[in-house]
Amino acid sequence: MIHAQAVKAFIVEEFLPDVPAAELADDYDLLENGVVDSLGLLKVIAWLEDRYGIDADTVDLDPDSFTTVAAITAFVERFAPRSAGAV
């Protein structure tokens, strides 16, 4: 749950500054709806590396892992070291 809140806060801050976080559904398709483009996807991945210690060079970066807040959260839960992001 904490990861989902952090992911949502990042997406809203970086890509949807005029949208309250509560209005962004966890299943809203960020790629299909043009919220995150290819450059934005790189920004998301860089943030995940910094925030959660995920090494993008050693994990599968399937685009489907970044379509929604829920998908990004599942990616974090799968690949983040156990102690990462506990703040």
PDB file of N, CA and C in Angstrom:
ATOM      1  N   MET A   1       0.820  -1.199   0.000  1.00  0.00           N
ATOM      2  CA  MET A   1       0.000   0.000   0.000  1.00  0.00           C
ATOM      3  C   MET A   1       0.863   1.262   0.000  1.00  0.00           C
ATOM      4  N   ILE A   2       1.944   1.227   0.778  1.00  0.00           N
ATOM      5  CA  ILE A   2       2.837   2.383   0.833  1.00  0.00           C
ATOM      6  C   ILE A   2       3.460   2.632  -0.532  1.00  0.00           C
ATOM      7  N   HIS A   3       3.837   1.548  -1.223  1.00  0.00           N
ATOM      8  CA  HIS A   3       4.424   1.700  -2.553  1.00  0.00           C
ATOM      9  C   HIS A   3       3.419   2.343  -3.509  1.00  0.00           C
ATOM     10  N   ALA A   4       2.182   1.913  -3.460  1.00  0.00           N
ATOM     11  CA  ALA A   4       1.161   2.457  -4.358  1.00  0.00           C
ATOM     12  C   ALA A   4       0.979   3.953  -4.132  1.00  0.00           C
ATOM     13  N   GLN A   5       0.994   4.375  -2.889  1.00  0.00           N
ATOM     14  CA  GLN A   5       0.850   5.798  -2.583  1.00  0.00           C
ATOM     15  C   GLN A   5       2.030   6.592  -3.114  1.00  0.00           C
ATOM     16  N   ALA A   6       3.232   6.052  -2.965  1.00  0.00           N
ATOM     17  CA  ALA A   6       4.433   6.740  -3.454  1.00  0.00           C
ATOM     18  C   ALA A   6       4.439   6.813  -4.974  1.00  0.00           C
ATOM     19  N   VAL A   7       4.069   5.717  -5.622  1.00  0.00           N
ATOM     20  CA  VAL A   7       4.015   5.692  -7.092  1.00  0.00           C
ATOM     21  C   VAL A   7       2.992   6.707  -7.584  1.00  0.00           C
ATOM     22  N   LYS A   8       1.822   6.689  -6.987  1.00  0.00           N
ATOM     23  CA  LYS A   8       0.766   7.617  -7.398  1.00  0.00           C
ATOM     24  C   LYS A   8       1.199   9.062  -7.185  1.00  0.00           C
ATOM     25  N   ALA A   9       1.811   9.345  -6.056  1.00  0.00           N
ATOM     26  CA  ALA A   9       2.280  10.705  -5.772  1.00  0.00           C
ATOM     27  C   ALA A   9       3.303  11.153  -6.810  1.00  0.00           C
ATOM     28  N   PHE A  10       4.208  10.264  -7.196  1.00  0.00           N
ATOM     29  CA  PHE A  10       5.213  10.602  -8.207  1.00  0.00           C
ATOM     30  C   PHE A  10       4.554  10.874  -9.558  1.00  0.00           C
ATOM     31  N   ILE A  11       3.641  10.013  -9.978  1.00  0.00           N
ATOM     32  CA  ILE A  11       2.973  10.182 -11.277  1.00  0.00           C
ATOM     33  C   ILE A  11       2.218  11.506 -11.304  1.00  0.00           C
ATOM     34  N   VAL A  12       1.486  11.801 -10.262  1.00  0.00           N
ATOM     35  CA  VAL A  12       0.720  13.049 -10.209  1.00  0.00           C
ATOM     36  C   VAL A  12       1.659  14.252 -10.222  1.00  0.00           C
ATOM     37  N   GLU A  13       2.696  14.213  -9.407  1.00  0.00           N
ATOM     38  CA  GLU A  13       3.624  15.344  -9.324  1.00  0.00           C
ATOM     39  C   GLU A  13       4.328  15.604 -10.659  1.00  0.00           C
ATOM     40  N   GLU A  14       4.755  14.554 -11.318  1.00  0.00           N
ATOM     41  CA  GLU A  14       5.544  14.697 -12.544  1.00  0.00           C
ATOM     42  C   GLU A  14       4.710  14.871 -13.810  1.00  0.00           C
ATOM     43  N   PHE A  15       3.547  14.215 -13.872  1.00  0.00           N
ATOM     44  CA  PHE A  15       2.811  14.159 -15.130  1.00  0.00           C
ATOM     45  C   PHE A  15       1.397  14.738 -15.076  1.00  0.00           C
ATOM     46  N   LEU A  16       0.821  14.837 -13.899  1.00  0.00           N
ATOM     47  CA  LEU A  16      -0.563  15.311 -13.759  1.00  0.00           C
ATOM     48  C   LEU A  16      -0.676  16.323 -12.622  1.00  0.00           C
ATOM     49  N   PRO A  17       0.076  17.407 -12.674  1.00  0.00           N
ATOM     50  CA  PRO A  17       0.121  18.328 -11.532  1.00  0.00           C
ATOM     51  C   PRO A  17      -1.215  18.981 -11.182  1.00  0.00           C
ATOM     52  N   ASP A  18      -2.154  19.007 -12.104  1.00  0.00           N
ATOM     53  CA  ASP A  18      -3.453  19.632 -11.837  1.00  0.00           C
ATOM     54  C   ASP A  18      -4.515  18.630 -11.388  1.00  0.00           C
ATOM     55  N   VAL A  19      -4.117  17.374 -11.197  1.00  0.00           N
ATOM     56  CA  VAL A  19      -5.061  16.328 -10.819  1.00  0.00           C
ATOM     57  C   VAL A  19      -4.770  15.887  -9.386  1.00  0.00           C
ATOM     58  N   PRO A  20      -5.776  15.912  -8.516  1.00  0.00           N
ATOM     59  CA  PRO A  20      -5.566  15.401  -7.159  1.00  0.00           C
ATOM     60  C   PRO A  20      -5.237  13.903  -7.211  1.00  0.00           C
ATOM     61  N   ALA A  21      -4.310  13.465  -6.390  1.00  0.00           N
ATOM     62  CA  ALA A  21      -3.903  12.057  -6.390  1.00  0.00           C
ATOM     63  C   ALA A  21      -5.093  11.122  -6.193  1.00  0.00           C
ATOM     64  N   ALA A  22      -6.055  11.540  -5.403  1.00  0.00           N
ATOM     65  CA  ALA A  22      -7.227  10.704  -5.140  1.00  0.00           C
ATOM     66  C   ALA A  22      -8.052  10.437  -6.396  1.00  0.00           C
ATOM     67  N   GLU A  23      -7.912  11.293  -7.398  1.00  0.00           N
ATOM     68  CA  GLU A  23      -8.676  11.121  -8.636  1.00  0.00           C
ATOM     69  C   GLU A  23      -7.994  10.199  -9.644  1.00  0.00           C
ATOM     70  N   LEU A  24      -6.751   9.839  -9.410  1.00  0.00           N
ATOM     71  CA  LEU A  24      -6.040   8.938 -10.315  1.00  0.00           C
ATOM     72  C   LEU A  24      -6.297   7.499  -9.883  1.00  0.00           C
ATOM     73  N   ALA A  25      -7.086   6.788 -10.679  1.00  0.00           N
ATOM     74  CA  ALA A  25      -7.400   5.392 -10.369  1.00  0.00           C
ATOM     75  C   ALA A  25      -6.165   4.520 -10.568  1.00  0.00           C
ATOM     76  N   ASP A  26      -6.020   3.523  -9.722  1.00  0.00           N
ATOM     77  CA  ASP A  26      -4.865   2.634  -9.814  1.00  0.00           C
ATOM     78  C   ASP A  26      -4.817   1.865 -11.130  1.00  0.00           C
ATOM     79  N   ASP A  27      -5.970   1.712 -11.787  1.00  0.00           N
ATOM     80  CA  ASP A  27      -6.018   0.961 -13.044  1.00  0.00           C
ATOM     81  C   ASP A  27      -6.116   1.853 -14.286  1.00  0.00           C
ATOM     82  N   TYR A  28      -5.936   3.151 -14.130  1.00  0.00           N
ATOM     83  CA  TYR A  28      -5.976   4.085 -15.263  1.00  0.00           C
ATOM     84  C   TYR A  28      -4.732   3.869 -16.121  1.00  0.00           C
ATOM     85  N   ASP A  29      -4.918   3.617 -17.418  1.00  0.00           N
ATOM     86  CA  ASP A  29      -3.797   3.311 -18.310  1.00  0.00           C
ATOM     87  C   ASP A  29      -3.031   4.580 -18.661  1.00  0.00           C
ATOM     88  N   LEU A  30      -1.873   4.722 -18.070  1.00  0.00           N
ATOM     89  CA  LEU A  30      -1.048   5.921 -18.231  1.00  0.00           C
ATOM     90  C   LEU A  30      -0.449   6.029 -19.628  1.00  0.00           C
ATOM     91  N   LEU A  31      -0.115   4.910 -20.235  1.00  0.00           N
ATOM     92  CA  LEU A  31       0.488   4.917 -21.569  1.00  0.00           C
ATOM     93  C   LEU A  31      -0.570   5.138 -22.643  1.00  0.00           C
ATOM     94  N   GLU A  32      -1.632   4.358 -22.589  1.00  0.00           N
ATOM     95  CA  GLU A  32      -2.694   4.446 -23.596  1.00  0.00           C
ATOM     96  C   GLU A  32      -3.353   5.824 -23.610  1.00  0.00           C
ATOM     97  N   ASN A  33      -3.449   6.448 -22.455  1.00  0.00           N
ATOM     98  CA  ASN A  33      -4.099   7.755 -22.352  1.00  0.00           C
ATOM     99  C   ASN A  33      -3.135   8.927 -22.498  1.00  0.00           C
ATOM    100  N   GLY A  34      -1.884   8.640 -22.839  1.00  0.00           N
ATOM    101  CA  GLY A  34      -0.922   9.696 -23.137  1.00  0.00           C
ATOM    102  C   GLY A  34      -0.380  10.454 -21.939  1.00  0.00           C
ATOM    103  N   VAL A  35      -0.591   9.939 -20.754  1.00  0.00           N
ATOM    104  CA  VAL A  35      -0.059  10.602 -19.559  1.00  0.00           C
ATOM    105  C   VAL A  35       1.459  10.447 -19.525  1.00  0.00           C
ATOM    106  N   VAL A  36       1.921   9.243 -19.802  1.00  0.00           N
ATOM    107  CA  VAL A  36       3.351   8.936 -19.825  1.00  0.00           C
ATOM    108  C   VAL A  36       3.717   8.502 -21.240  1.00  0.00           C
ATOM    109  N   ASP A  37       4.688   9.197 -21.836  1.00  0.00           N
ATOM    110  CA  ASP A  37       5.182   8.815 -23.160  1.00  0.00           C
ATOM    111  C   ASP A  37       6.518   8.097 -22.986  1.00  0.00           C
ATOM    112  N   SER A  38       7.234   7.860 -24.083  1.00  0.00           N
ATOM    113  CA  SER A  38       8.484   7.102 -23.990  1.00  0.00           C
ATOM    114  C   SER A  38       9.524   7.804 -23.120  1.00  0.00           C
ATOM    115  N   LEU A  39       9.623   9.110 -23.224  1.00  0.00           N
ATOM    116  CA  LEU A  39      10.565   9.837 -22.362  1.00  0.00           C
ATOM    117  C   LEU A  39      10.101   9.824 -20.908  1.00  0.00           C
ATOM    118  N   GLY A  40       8.802   9.921 -20.726  1.00  0.00           N
ATOM    119  CA  GLY A  40       8.249   9.843 -19.378  1.00  0.00           C
ATOM    120  C   GLY A  40       8.494   8.480 -18.752  1.00  0.00           C
ATOM    121  N   LEU A  41       8.440   7.442 -19.573  1.00  0.00           N
ATOM    122  CA  LEU A  41       8.708   6.094 -19.086  1.00  0.00           C
ATOM    123  C   LEU A  41      10.141   5.984 -18.563  1.00  0.00           C
ATOM    124  N   LEU A  42      11.066   6.616 -19.266  1.00  0.00           N
ATOM    125  CA  LEU A  42      12.456   6.636 -18.793  1.00  0.00           C
ATOM    126  C   LEU A  42      12.562   7.363 -17.452  1.00  0.00           C
ATOM    127  N   LYS A  43      11.784   8.415 -17.301  1.00  0.00           N
ATOM    128  CA  LYS A  43      11.770   9.168 -16.038  1.00  0.00           C
ATOM    129  C   LYS A  43      11.222   8.302 -14.903  1.00  0.00           C
ATOM    130  N   VAL A  44      10.172   7.540 -15.194  1.00  0.00           N
ATOM    131  CA  VAL A  44       9.597   6.639 -14.190  1.00  0.00           C
ATOM    132  C   VAL A  44      10.635   5.591 -13.780  1.00  0.00           C
ATOM    133  N   ILE A  45      11.292   5.000 -14.762  1.00  0.00           N
ATOM    134  CA  ILE A  45      12.289   3.967 -14.474  1.00  0.00           C
ATOM    135  C   ILE A  45      13.440   4.540 -13.646  1.00  0.00           C
ATOM    136  N   ALA A  46      13.905   5.728 -14.002  1.00  0.00           N
ATOM    137  CA  ALA A  46      14.985   6.370 -13.238  1.00  0.00           C
ATOM    138  C   ALA A  46      14.545   6.621 -11.798  1.00  0.00           C
ATOM    139  N   TRP A  47      13.300   7.063 -11.617  1.00  0.00           N
ATOM    140  CA  TRP A  47      12.778   7.293 -10.266  1.00  0.00           C
ATOM    141  C   TRP A  47      12.718   5.984  -9.481  1.00  0.00           C
ATOM    142  N   LEU A  48      12.278   4.905 -10.132  1.00  0.00           N
ATOM    143  CA  LEU A  48      12.215   3.604  -9.461  1.00  0.00           C
ATOM    144  C   LEU A  48      13.602   3.134  -9.035  1.00  0.00           C
ATOM    145  N   GLU A  49      14.585   3.386  -9.886  1.00  0.00           N
ATOM    146  CA  GLU A  49      15.968   3.031  -9.535  1.00  0.00           C
ATOM    147  C   GLU A  49      16.421   3.812  -8.300  1.00  0.00           C
ATOM    148  N   ASP A  50      16.167   5.112  -8.313  1.00  0.00           N
ATOM    149  CA  ASP A  50      16.591   5.971  -7.199  1.00  0.00           C
ATOM    150  C   ASP A  50      15.822   5.677  -5.913  1.00  0.00           C
ATOM    151  N   ARG A  51      14.525   5.578  -6.024  1.00  0.00           N
ATOM    152  CA  ARG A  51      13.668   5.431  -4.842  1.00  0.00           C
ATOM    153  C   ARG A  51      13.749   4.040  -4.224  1.00  0.00           C
ATOM    154  N   TYR A  52      13.765   3.010  -5.094  1.00  0.00           N
ATOM    155  CA  TYR A  52      13.654   1.642  -4.601  1.00  0.00           C
ATOM    156  C   TYR A  52      14.905   0.792  -4.795  1.00  0.00           C
ATOM    157  N   GLY A  53      15.942   1.345  -5.412  1.00  0.00           N
ATOM    158  CA  GLY A  53      17.168   0.577  -5.604  1.00  0.00           C
ATOM    159  C   GLY A  53      17.044  -0.532  -6.624  1.00  0.00           C
ATOM    160  N   ILE A  54      16.087  -0.404  -7.523  1.00  0.00           N
ATOM    161  CA  ILE A  54      15.913  -1.404  -8.578  1.00  0.00           C
ATOM    162  C   ILE A  54      16.954  -1.144  -9.660  1.00  0.00           C
ATOM    163  N   ASP A  55      17.680  -2.179 -10.055  1.00  0.00           N
ATOM    164  CA  ASP A  55      18.689  -2.060 -11.103  1.00  0.00           C
ATOM    165  C   ASP A  55      18.032  -2.387 -12.440  1.00  0.00           C
ATOM    166  N   ALA A  56      17.733  -1.369 -13.215  1.00  0.00           N
ATOM    167  CA  ALA A  56      17.018  -1.545 -14.484  1.00  0.00           C
ATOM    168  C   ALA A  56      17.781  -2.413 -15.472  1.00  0.00           C
ATOM    169  N   ASP A  57      19.085  -2.528 -15.292  1.00  0.00           N
ATOM    170  CA  ASP A  57      19.888  -3.351 -16.196  1.00  0.00           C
ATOM    171  C   ASP A  57      19.743  -4.844 -15.919  1.00  0.00           C
ATOM    172  N   THR A  58      19.185  -5.197 -14.781  1.00  0.00           N
ATOM    173  CA  THR A  58      19.118  -6.616 -14.411  1.00  0.00           C
ATOM    174  C   THR A  58      17.698  -7.162 -14.293  1.00  0.00           C
ATOM    175  N   VAL A  59      16.697  -6.350 -14.593  1.00  0.00           N
ATOM    176  CA  VAL A  59      15.305  -6.814 -14.502  1.00  0.00           C
ATOM    177  C   VAL A  59      14.620  -6.681 -15.858  1.00  0.00           C
ATOM    178  N   ASP A  60      13.534  -7.408 -16.019  1.00  0.00           N
ATOM    179  CA  ASP A  60      12.747  -7.357 -17.247  1.00  0.00           C
ATOM    180  C   ASP A  60      11.932  -6.066 -17.266  1.00  0.00           C
ATOM    181  N   LEU A  61      12.208  -5.213 -18.240  1.00  0.00           N
ATOM    182  CA  LEU A  61      11.489  -3.935 -18.355  1.00  0.00           C
ATOM    183  C   LEU A  61      10.376  -4.042 -19.396  1.00  0.00           C
ATOM    184  N   ASP A  62       9.447  -4.926 -19.158  1.00  0.00           N
ATOM    185  CA  ASP A  62       8.289  -5.111 -20.020  1.00  0.00           C
ATOM    186  C   ASP A  62       7.402  -3.867 -19.922  1.00  0.00           C
ATOM    187  N   PRO A  63       7.059  -3.245 -21.055  1.00  0.00           N
ATOM    188  CA  PRO A  63       6.213  -2.044 -21.011  1.00  0.00           C
ATOM    189  C   PRO A  63       4.900  -2.245 -20.244  1.00  0.00           C
ATOM    190  N   ASP A  64       4.383  -3.468 -20.229  1.00  0.00           N
ATOM    191  CA  ASP A  64       3.149  -3.737 -19.493  1.00  0.00           C
ATOM    192  C   ASP A  64       3.312  -3.506 -17.990  1.00  0.00           C
ATOM    193  N   SER A  65       4.550  -3.494 -17.522  1.00  0.00           N
ATOM    194  CA  SER A  65       4.813  -3.264 -16.098  1.00  0.00           C
ATOM    195  C   SER A  65       4.653  -1.806 -15.700  1.00  0.00           C
ATOM    196  N   PHE A  66       4.418  -0.944 -16.687  1.00  0.00           N
ATOM    197  CA  PHE A  66       4.376   0.495 -16.419  1.00  0.00           C
ATOM    198  C   PHE A  66       3.099   1.163 -16.927  1.00  0.00           C
ATOM    199  N   THR A  67       2.072   0.370 -17.208  1.00  0.00           N
ATOM    200  CA  THR A  67       0.854   0.933 -17.787  1.00  0.00           C
ATOM    201  C   THR A  67      -0.024   1.652 -16.773  1.00  0.00           C
ATOM    202  N   THR A  68      -0.027   1.178 -15.545  1.00  0.00           N
ATOM    203  CA  THR A  68      -0.907   1.737 -14.515  1.00  0.00           C
ATOM    204  C   THR A  68      -0.150   1.871 -13.195  1.00  0.00           C
ATOM    205  N   VAL A  69      -0.728   2.600 -12.271  1.00  0.00           N
ATOM    206  CA  VAL A  69      -0.153   2.685 -10.924  1.00  0.00           C
ATOM    207  C   VAL A  69      -0.072   1.287 -10.318  1.00  0.00           C
ATOM    208  N   ALA A  70      -1.111   0.487 -10.503  1.00  0.00           N
ATOM    209  CA  ALA A  70      -1.123  -0.874  -9.958  1.00  0.00           C
ATOM    210  C   ALA A  70      -0.009  -1.722 -10.565  1.00  0.00           C
ATOM    211  N   ALA A  71       0.215  -1.601 -11.867  1.00  0.00           N
ATOM    212  CA  ALA A  71       1.274  -2.374 -12.528  1.00  0.00           C
ATOM    213  C   ALA A  71       2.654  -1.940 -12.047  1.00  0.00           C
ATOM    214  N   ILE A  72       2.854  -0.639 -11.898  1.00  0.00           N
ATOM    215  CA  ILE A  72       4.143  -0.135 -11.413  1.00  0.00           C
ATOM    216  C   ILE A  72       4.374  -0.599  -9.974  1.00  0.00           C
ATOM    217  N   THR A  73       3.328  -0.573  -9.165  1.00  0.00           N
ATOM    218  CA  THR A  73       3.431  -1.031  -7.784  1.00  0.00           C
ATOM    219  C   THR A  73       3.804  -2.511  -7.731  1.00  0.00           C
ATOM    220  N   ALA A  74       3.185  -3.321  -8.580  1.00  0.00           N
ATOM    221  CA  ALA A  74       3.517  -4.750  -8.635  1.00  0.00           C
ATOM    222  C   ALA A  74       4.971  -4.947  -9.056  1.00  0.00           C
ATOM    223  N   PHE A  75       5.443  -4.126  -9.990  1.00  0.00           N
ATOM    224  CA  PHE A  75       6.836  -4.173 -10.431  1.00  0.00           C
ATOM    225  C   PHE A  75       7.763  -3.882  -9.251  1.00  0.00           C
ATOM    226  N   VAL A  76       7.445  -2.852  -8.490  1.00  0.00           N
ATOM    227  CA  VAL A  76       8.250  -2.499  -7.311  1.00  0.00           C
ATOM    228  C   VAL A  76       8.259  -3.653  -6.317  1.00  0.00           C
ATOM    229  N   GLU A  77       7.104  -4.207  -6.036  1.00  0.00           N
ATOM    230  CA  GLU A  77       7.015  -5.291  -5.058  1.00  0.00           C
ATOM    231  C   GLU A  77       7.781  -6.527  -5.518  1.00  0.00           C
ATOM    232  N   ARG A  78       7.866  -6.712  -6.818  1.00  0.00           N
ATOM    233  CA  ARG A  78       8.576  -7.871  -7.363  1.00  0.00           C
ATOM    234  C   ARG A  78      10.090  -7.678  -7.363  1.00  0.00           C
ATOM    235  N   PHE A  79      10.557  -6.484  -7.709  1.00  0.00           N
ATOM    236  CA  PHE A  79      11.981  -6.292  -7.963  1.00  0.00           C
ATOM    237  C   PHE A  79      12.750  -5.448  -6.941  1.00  0.00           C
ATOM    238  N   ALA A  80      12.080  -4.719  -6.097  1.00  0.00           N
ATOM    239  CA  ALA A  80      12.803  -3.875  -5.133  1.00  0.00           C
ATOM    240  C   ALA A  80      13.427  -4.733  -4.042  1.00  0.00           C
ATOM    241  N   PRO A  81      14.651  -4.399  -3.651  1.00  0.00           N
ATOM    242  CA  PRO A  81      15.229  -5.081  -2.488  1.00  0.00           C
ATOM    243  C   PRO A  81      14.297  -4.893  -1.291  1.00  0.00           C
ATOM    244  N   ARG A  82      14.232  -5.851  -0.417  1.00  0.00           N
ATOM    245  CA  ARG A  82      13.273  -5.839   0.705  1.00  0.00           C
ATOM    246  C   ARG A  82      13.332  -4.582   1.559  1.00  0.00           C
ATOM    247  N   SER A  83      14.493  -4.012   1.753  1.00  0.00           N
ATOM    248  CA  SER A  83      14.604  -2.837   2.623  1.00  0.00           C
ATOM    249  C   SER A  83      14.380  -1.526   1.887  1.00  0.00           C
ATOM    250  N   ALA A  84      14.325  -1.556   0.560  1.00  0.00           N
ATOM    251  CA  ALA A  84      14.207  -0.323  -0.229  1.00  0.00           C
ATOM    252  C   ALA A  84      12.826   0.293  -0.091  1.00  0.00           C
ATOM    253  N   GLY A  85      12.801   1.611  -0.046  1.00  0.00           N
ATOM    254  CA  GLY A  85      11.533   2.338  -0.050  1.00  0.00           C
ATOM    255  C   GLY A  85      10.738   2.216   1.225  1.00  0.00           C
ATOM    256  N   ALA A  86      11.347   1.738   2.263  1.00  0.00           N
ATOM    257  CA  ALA A  86      10.624   1.571   3.516  1.00  0.00           C
ATOM    258  C   ALA A  86      10.409   2.889   4.239  1.00  0.00           C
ATOM    259  N   VAL A  87      10.943   3.953   3.692  1.00  0.00           N
ATOM    260  CA  VAL A  87      10.833   5.274   4.317  1.00  0.00           C
ATOM    261  C   VAL A  87       9.428   5.786   4.202  1.00  0.00           C
TER     262      VAL A  87
END
